[in-house]
Amino acid sequence: MIPIETRMKALMIAGLGGDAVSYRALLEELGRYLRRYFVRRLGPGRVDDAEDLVQETLIAVHDRRGTYDIERPFTVWLHAVARYKLIDYFRHHKVRAAVPIDDVDGLFAADAAEAAMARLDVDRLLESIPPRSRALIRSVKLNGDTIAETAAVTGMSESAVKVGIHRGVKALAMRMRGQVARRDE
């Protein structure tokens, strides 16, 4: 079975390319997906409201499809659109969340969409530094490998790994301050 992200993204890209059959298939699949998404958040007693949100979200997806960046995950973009529709619904109906104090830990769970967007930002930023430093930073700082493990895998000395990471972090800091021109400019 094809993962939902891969399937939906392929349908969206085909739809953007003018394939009406793929676009219709995407909207049908989105309808089913969004129905589950909204019913889970509103509760089973609000099926009619969930259906209204599905329709509003499908219209928003259609209207804003030109803003979708095909280099990014489709479901992240979709969840952003759906979340805004849900927030609008809550505002309009003056819904306030009430969470028992025992369930407070659930409030601080990471949002998968935001995490995915942050990961894309990190990946884009890492692309602006040399490949060797990028690989070392990914290994130690992002994947959690030790300096010794990274040195063993790369065939470098531990000191060389540390220096490479230091230089990469320094390049990232300079890049973020705008002191180094981007490679794609």
C-alpha atoms as a PDB file:
ATOM      1  CA  MET A   1       0.000   0.000   0.000  1.00  0.00           C
ATOM      2  CA  ILE A   2       1.326   3.470  -0.937  1.00  0.00           C
ATOM      3  CA  PRO A   3       1.772   5.829   2.045  1.00  0.00           C
ATOM      4  CA  ILE A   4      -0.853   8.568   2.206  1.00  0.00           C
ATOM      5  CA  GLU A   5       1.713  11.371   1.739  1.00  0.00           C
ATOM      6  CA  THR A   6       3.150   9.814  -1.411  1.00  0.00           C
ATOM      7  CA  ARG A   7      -0.267   9.063  -2.903  1.00  0.00           C
ATOM      8  CA  MET A   8      -1.824  12.454  -2.145  1.00  0.00           C
ATOM      9  CA  LYS A   9       1.242  14.376  -3.268  1.00  0.00           C
ATOM     10  CA  ALA A  10       1.348  12.504  -6.577  1.00  0.00           C
ATOM     11  CA  LEU A  11      -2.357  13.204  -7.158  1.00  0.00           C
ATOM     12  CA  MET A  12      -1.912  16.888  -6.284  1.00  0.00           C
ATOM     13  CA  ILE A  13       1.057  17.312  -8.613  1.00  0.00           C
ATOM     14  CA  ALA A  14      -0.800  15.549 -11.427  1.00  0.00           C
ATOM     15  CA  GLY A  15      -3.837  17.749 -10.744  1.00  0.00           C
ATOM     16  CA  LEU A  16      -1.699  20.875 -10.835  1.00  0.00           C
ATOM     17  CA  GLY A  17      -0.385  19.637 -14.184  1.00  0.00           C
ATOM     18  CA  GLY A  18      -3.924  19.582 -15.568  1.00  0.00           C
ATOM     19  CA  ASP A  19      -4.884  15.935 -14.983  1.00  0.00           C
ATOM     20  CA  ALA A  20      -8.583  16.309 -14.105  1.00  0.00           C
ATOM     21  CA  VAL A  21      -9.007  12.613 -13.243  1.00  0.00           C
ATOM     22  CA  SER A  22      -6.164  12.734 -10.715  1.00  0.00           C
ATOM     23  CA  TYR A  23      -7.450  15.980  -9.242  1.00  0.00           C
ATOM     24  CA  ARG A  24     -10.933  14.516  -8.793  1.00  0.00           C
ATOM     25  CA  ALA A  25      -9.414  11.408  -7.163  1.00  0.00           C
ATOM     26  CA  LEU A  26      -7.424  13.700  -4.841  1.00  0.00           C
ATOM     27  CA  LEU A  27     -10.532  15.636  -3.791  1.00  0.00           C
ATOM     28  CA  GLU A  28     -12.431  12.409  -3.103  1.00  0.00           C
ATOM     29  CA  GLU A  29      -9.576  11.020  -1.019  1.00  0.00           C
ATOM     30  CA  LEU A  30      -9.197  14.344   0.780  1.00  0.00           C
ATOM     31  CA  GLY A  31     -12.901  14.275   1.623  1.00  0.00           C
ATOM     32  CA  ARG A  32     -12.553  10.905   3.371  1.00  0.00           C
ATOM     33  CA  TYR A  33      -9.317  11.930   5.092  1.00  0.00           C
ATOM     34  CA  LEU A  34     -10.623  15.294   6.271  1.00  0.00           C
ATOM     35  CA  ARG A  35     -13.886  13.761   7.536  1.00  0.00           C
ATOM     36  CA  ARG A  36     -11.900  11.563   9.932  1.00  0.00           C
ATOM     37  CA  TYR A  37      -9.642  14.489  10.843  1.00  0.00           C
ATOM     38  CA  PHE A  38     -12.530  16.797  11.800  1.00  0.00           C
ATOM     39  CA  VAL A  39     -14.732  14.175  13.497  1.00  0.00           C
ATOM     40  CA  ARG A  40     -11.787  13.250  15.758  1.00  0.00           C
ATOM     41  CA  ARG A  41     -11.373  16.879  16.748  1.00  0.00           C
ATOM     42  CA  LEU A  42     -15.042  17.838  17.072  1.00  0.00           C
ATOM     43  CA  GLY A  43     -16.412  14.561  18.415  1.00  0.00           C
ATOM     44  CA  PRO A  44     -18.985  12.155  16.990  1.00  0.00           C
ATOM     45  CA  GLY A  45     -21.889  14.417  17.979  1.00  0.00           C
ATOM     46  CA  ARG A  46     -20.806  17.082  15.517  1.00  0.00           C
ATOM     47  CA  VAL A  47     -20.786  15.107  12.261  1.00  0.00           C
ATOM     48  CA  ASP A  48     -22.730  17.835  10.418  1.00  0.00           C
ATOM     49  CA  ASP A  49     -20.231  20.478  11.527  1.00  0.00           C
ATOM     50  CA  ALA A  50     -17.373  18.176  10.516  1.00  0.00           C
ATOM     51  CA  GLU A  51     -18.948  17.774   7.071  1.00  0.00           C
ATOM     52  CA  ASP A  52     -19.240  21.568   6.725  1.00  0.00           C
ATOM     53  CA  LEU A  53     -15.550  21.879   7.633  1.00  0.00           C
ATOM     54  CA  VAL A  54     -14.656  19.214   5.065  1.00  0.00           C
ATOM     55  CA  GLN A  55     -16.427  21.187   2.344  1.00  0.00           C
ATOM     56  CA  GLU A  56     -14.882  24.492   3.425  1.00  0.00           C
ATOM     57  CA  THR A  57     -11.432  22.913   3.503  1.00  0.00           C
ATOM     58  CA  LEU A  58     -11.868  21.328   0.060  1.00  0.00           C
ATOM     59  CA  ILE A  59     -12.857  24.729  -1.319  1.00  0.00           C
ATOM     60  CA  ALA A  60      -9.821  26.319   0.352  1.00  0.00           C
ATOM     61  CA  VAL A  61      -7.536  23.603  -1.047  1.00  0.00           C
ATOM     62  CA  HIS A  62      -8.966  24.239  -4.503  1.00  0.00           C
ATOM     63  CA  ASP A  63      -8.674  28.030  -4.189  1.00  0.00           C
ATOM     64  CA  ARG A  64      -5.151  27.915  -2.757  1.00  0.00           C
ATOM     65  CA  ARG A  65      -3.732  25.016  -4.762  1.00  0.00           C
ATOM     66  CA  GLY A  66      -1.426  27.422  -6.573  1.00  0.00           C
ATOM     67  CA  THR A  67       0.348  28.170  -3.282  1.00  0.00           C
ATOM     68  CA  TYR A  68       1.371  24.545  -2.770  1.00  0.00           C
ATOM     69  CA  ASP A  69       5.144  24.101  -3.154  1.00  0.00           C
ATOM     70  CA  ILE A  70       5.712  20.683  -4.750  1.00  0.00           C
ATOM     71  CA  GLU A  71       9.108  20.461  -3.042  1.00  0.00           C
ATOM     72  CA  ARG A  72       7.386  20.234   0.352  1.00  0.00           C
ATOM     73  CA  PRO A  73       5.218  17.495   1.845  1.00  0.00           C
ATOM     74  CA  PHE A  74       1.594  17.770   0.753  1.00  0.00           C
ATOM     75  CA  THR A  75       0.044  16.615   4.027  1.00  0.00           C
ATOM     76  CA  VAL A  76       1.840  19.383   5.949  1.00  0.00           C
ATOM     77  CA  TRP A  77       0.286  21.959   3.619  1.00  0.00           C
ATOM     78  CA  LEU A  78      -3.112  20.234   3.858  1.00  0.00           C
ATOM     79  CA  HIS A  79      -3.012  20.130   7.663  1.00  0.00           C
ATOM     80  CA  ALA A  80      -2.195  23.840   7.769  1.00  0.00           C
ATOM     81  CA  VAL A  81      -5.265  24.616   5.647  1.00  0.00           C
ATOM     82  CA  ALA A  82      -7.469  22.272   7.724  1.00  0.00           C
ATOM     83  CA  ARG A  83      -6.150  23.647  11.018  1.00  0.00           C
ATOM     84  CA  TYR A  84      -6.983  27.213   9.971  1.00  0.00           C
ATOM     85  CA  LYS A  85     -10.512  26.138   9.049  1.00  0.00           C
ATOM     86  CA  LEU A  86     -10.881  24.416  12.417  1.00  0.00           C
ATOM     87  CA  ILE A  87      -9.602  27.496  14.259  1.00  0.00           C
ATOM     88  CA  ASP A  88     -12.087  29.661  12.326  1.00  0.00           C
ATOM     89  CA  TYR A  89     -14.857  27.245  13.327  1.00  0.00           C
ATOM     90  CA  PHE A  90     -13.853  27.410  17.006  1.00  0.00           C
ATOM     91  CA  ARG A  91     -13.724  31.207  16.907  1.00  0.00           C
ATOM     92  CA  HIS A  92     -17.071  31.498  15.164  1.00  0.00           C
ATOM     93  CA  HIS A  93     -18.761  29.103  17.596  1.00  0.00           C
ATOM     94  CA  LYS A  94     -16.878  30.532  20.594  1.00  0.00           C
ATOM     95  CA  VAL A  95     -15.563  27.094  21.490  1.00  0.00           C
ATOM     96  CA  ARG A  96     -13.005  27.038  24.269  1.00  0.00           C
ATOM     97  CA  ALA A  97     -10.989  23.978  25.086  1.00  0.00           C
ATOM     98  CA  ALA A  98     -11.336  22.639  28.597  1.00  0.00           C
ATOM     99  CA  VAL A  99      -8.803  20.024  29.562  1.00  0.00           C
ATOM    100  CA  PRO A 100      -8.776  18.228  32.904  1.00  0.00           C
ATOM    101  CA  ILE A 101      -5.571  18.922  34.808  1.00  0.00           C
ATOM    102  CA  ASP A 102      -4.692  15.210  34.634  1.00  0.00           C
ATOM    103  CA  ASP A 103      -4.531  15.474  30.841  1.00  0.00           C
ATOM    104  CA  VAL A 104      -2.277  18.528  30.717  1.00  0.00           C
ATOM    105  CA  ASP A 105       0.673  16.524  29.332  1.00  0.00           C
ATOM    106  CA  GLY A 106      -1.249  16.053  26.093  1.00  0.00           C
ATOM    107  CA  LEU A 107      -1.296  19.813  25.581  1.00  0.00           C
ATOM    108  CA  PHE A 108       2.442  19.856  25.110  1.00  0.00           C
ATOM    109  CA  ALA A 109       2.668  17.097  22.530  1.00  0.00           C
ATOM    110  CA  ALA A 110       4.538  18.154  19.407  1.00  0.00           C
ATOM    111  CA  ASP A 111       2.443  18.990  16.367  1.00  0.00           C
ATOM    112  CA  ALA A 112       3.575  16.724  13.534  1.00  0.00           C
ATOM    113  CA  ALA A 113       2.935  19.378  10.900  1.00  0.00           C
ATOM    114  CA  GLU A 114       5.010  21.986  12.705  1.00  0.00           C
ATOM    115  CA  ALA A 115       7.792  19.475  13.281  1.00  0.00           C
ATOM    116  CA  ALA A 116       7.809  18.579   9.598  1.00  0.00           C
ATOM    117  CA  MET A 117       7.990  22.238   8.599  1.00  0.00           C
ATOM    118  CA  ALA A 118      10.833  22.827  11.054  1.00  0.00           C
ATOM    119  CA  ARG A 119      12.669  19.815   9.638  1.00  0.00           C
ATOM    120  CA  LEU A 120      12.308  21.261   6.129  1.00  0.00           C
ATOM    121  CA  ASP A 121      13.702  24.593   7.339  1.00  0.00           C
ATOM    122  CA  VAL A 122      16.689  22.844   8.924  1.00  0.00           C
ATOM    123  CA  ASP A 123      17.270  20.811   5.753  1.00  0.00           C
ATOM    124  CA  ARG A 124      17.144  23.956   3.603  1.00  0.00           C
ATOM    125  CA  LEU A 125      19.570  25.753   5.903  1.00  0.00           C
ATOM    126  CA  LEU A 126      21.970  22.785   5.940  1.00  0.00           C
ATOM    127  CA  GLU A 127      22.001  22.807   2.127  1.00  0.00           C
ATOM    128  CA  SER A 128      23.826  26.151   2.308  1.00  0.00           C
ATOM    129  CA  ILE A 129      26.978  24.664   3.862  1.00  0.00           C
ATOM    130  CA  PRO A 130      29.582  22.302   2.392  1.00  0.00           C
ATOM    131  CA  PRO A 131      28.508  18.634   2.080  1.00  0.00           C
ATOM    132  CA  ARG A 132      31.164  17.311   4.488  1.00  0.00           C
ATOM    133  CA  SER A 133      30.147  19.638   7.333  1.00  0.00           C
ATOM    134  CA  ARG A 134      26.488  18.998   6.534  1.00  0.00           C
ATOM    135  CA  ALA A 135      26.959  15.225   6.866  1.00  0.00           C
ATOM    136  CA  LEU A 136      28.845  15.580  10.150  1.00  0.00           C
ATOM    137  CA  ILE A 137      26.203  17.891  11.651  1.00  0.00           C
ATOM    138  CA  ARG A 138      23.400  15.548  10.551  1.00  0.00           C
ATOM    139  CA  SER A 139      25.183  12.575  12.096  1.00  0.00           C
ATOM    140  CA  VAL A 140      26.092  14.085  15.468  1.00  0.00           C
ATOM    141  CA  LYS A 141      23.603  16.882  16.056  1.00  0.00           C
ATOM    142  CA  LEU A 142      20.476  15.550  14.340  1.00  0.00           C
ATOM    143  CA  ASN A 143      20.823  11.764  14.430  1.00  0.00           C
ATOM    144  CA  GLY A 144      22.434  11.684  17.877  1.00  0.00           C
ATOM    145  CA  ASP A 145      25.503   9.671  16.883  1.00  0.00           C
ATOM    146  CA  THR A 146      28.589  10.127  19.029  1.00  0.00           C
ATOM    147  CA  ILE A 147      31.758  11.765  17.758  1.00  0.00           C
ATOM    148  CA  ALA A 148      33.483   8.348  17.933  1.00  0.00           C
ATOM    149  CA  GLU A 149      30.720   6.638  15.934  1.00  0.00           C
ATOM    150  CA  THR A 150      30.777   9.351  13.289  1.00  0.00           C
ATOM    151  CA  ALA A 151      34.574   9.198  13.081  1.00  0.00           C
ATOM    152  CA  ALA A 152      34.436   5.421  12.603  1.00  0.00           C
ATOM    153  CA  VAL A 153      31.802   5.643   9.858  1.00  0.00           C
ATOM    154  CA  THR A 154      33.508   8.487   7.966  1.00  0.00           C
ATOM    155  CA  GLY A 155      37.078   7.285   8.451  1.00  0.00           C
ATOM    156  CA  MET A 156      38.004  10.630   9.989  1.00  0.00           C
ATOM    157  CA  SER A 157      39.708  11.227  13.308  1.00  0.00           C
ATOM    158  CA  GLU A 158      37.551  12.382  16.206  1.00  0.00           C
ATOM    159  CA  SER A 159      39.351  15.737  16.148  1.00  0.00           C
ATOM    160  CA  ALA A 160      38.601  16.152  12.436  1.00  0.00           C
ATOM    161  CA  VAL A 161      34.910  15.397  13.091  1.00  0.00           C
ATOM    162  CA  LYS A 162      34.811  18.025  15.853  1.00  0.00           C
ATOM    163  CA  VAL A 163      36.531  20.590  13.631  1.00  0.00           C
ATOM    164  CA  GLY A 164      34.179  19.816  10.743  1.00  0.00           C
ATOM    165  CA  ILE A 165      31.132  20.254  12.964  1.00  0.00           C
ATOM    166  CA  HIS A 166      32.531  23.486  14.402  1.00  0.00           C
ATOM    167  CA  ARG A 167      33.169  24.899  10.928  1.00  0.00           C
ATOM    168  CA  GLY A 168      29.721  23.853   9.758  1.00  0.00           C
ATOM    169  CA  VAL A 169      27.985  25.445  12.744  1.00  0.00           C
ATOM    170  CA  LYS A 170      30.039  28.589  12.247  1.00  0.00           C
ATOM    171  CA  ALA A 171      29.031  28.696   8.561  1.00  0.00           C
ATOM    172  CA  LEU A 172      25.382  28.223   9.549  1.00  0.00           C
ATOM    173  CA  ALA A 173      25.603  31.064  12.060  1.00  0.00           C
ATOM    174  CA  MET A 174      27.153  33.353   9.454  1.00  0.00           C
ATOM    175  CA  ARG A 175      24.521  32.304   6.922  1.00  0.00           C
ATOM    176  CA  MET A 176      21.745  33.101   9.371  1.00  0.00           C
ATOM    177  CA  ARG A 177      23.253  36.534   9.990  1.00  0.00           C
ATOM    178  CA  GLY A 178      23.321  37.106   6.225  1.00  0.00           C
ATOM    179  CA  GLN A 179      27.093  37.309   6.048  1.00  0.00           C
ATOM    180  CA  VAL A 180      27.473  34.562   3.448  1.00  0.00           C
ATOM    181  CA  ALA A 181      25.773  34.590   0.062  1.00  0.00           C
ATOM    182  CA  ARG A 182      23.457  31.690  -0.593  1.00  0.00           C
ATOM    183  CA  ARG A 183      24.679  29.148  -3.132  1.00  0.00           C
ATOM    184  CA  ASP A 184      21.468  29.449  -5.182  1.00  0.00           C
ATOM    185  CA  GLU A 185      21.613  33.254  -5.531  1.00  0.00           C
END
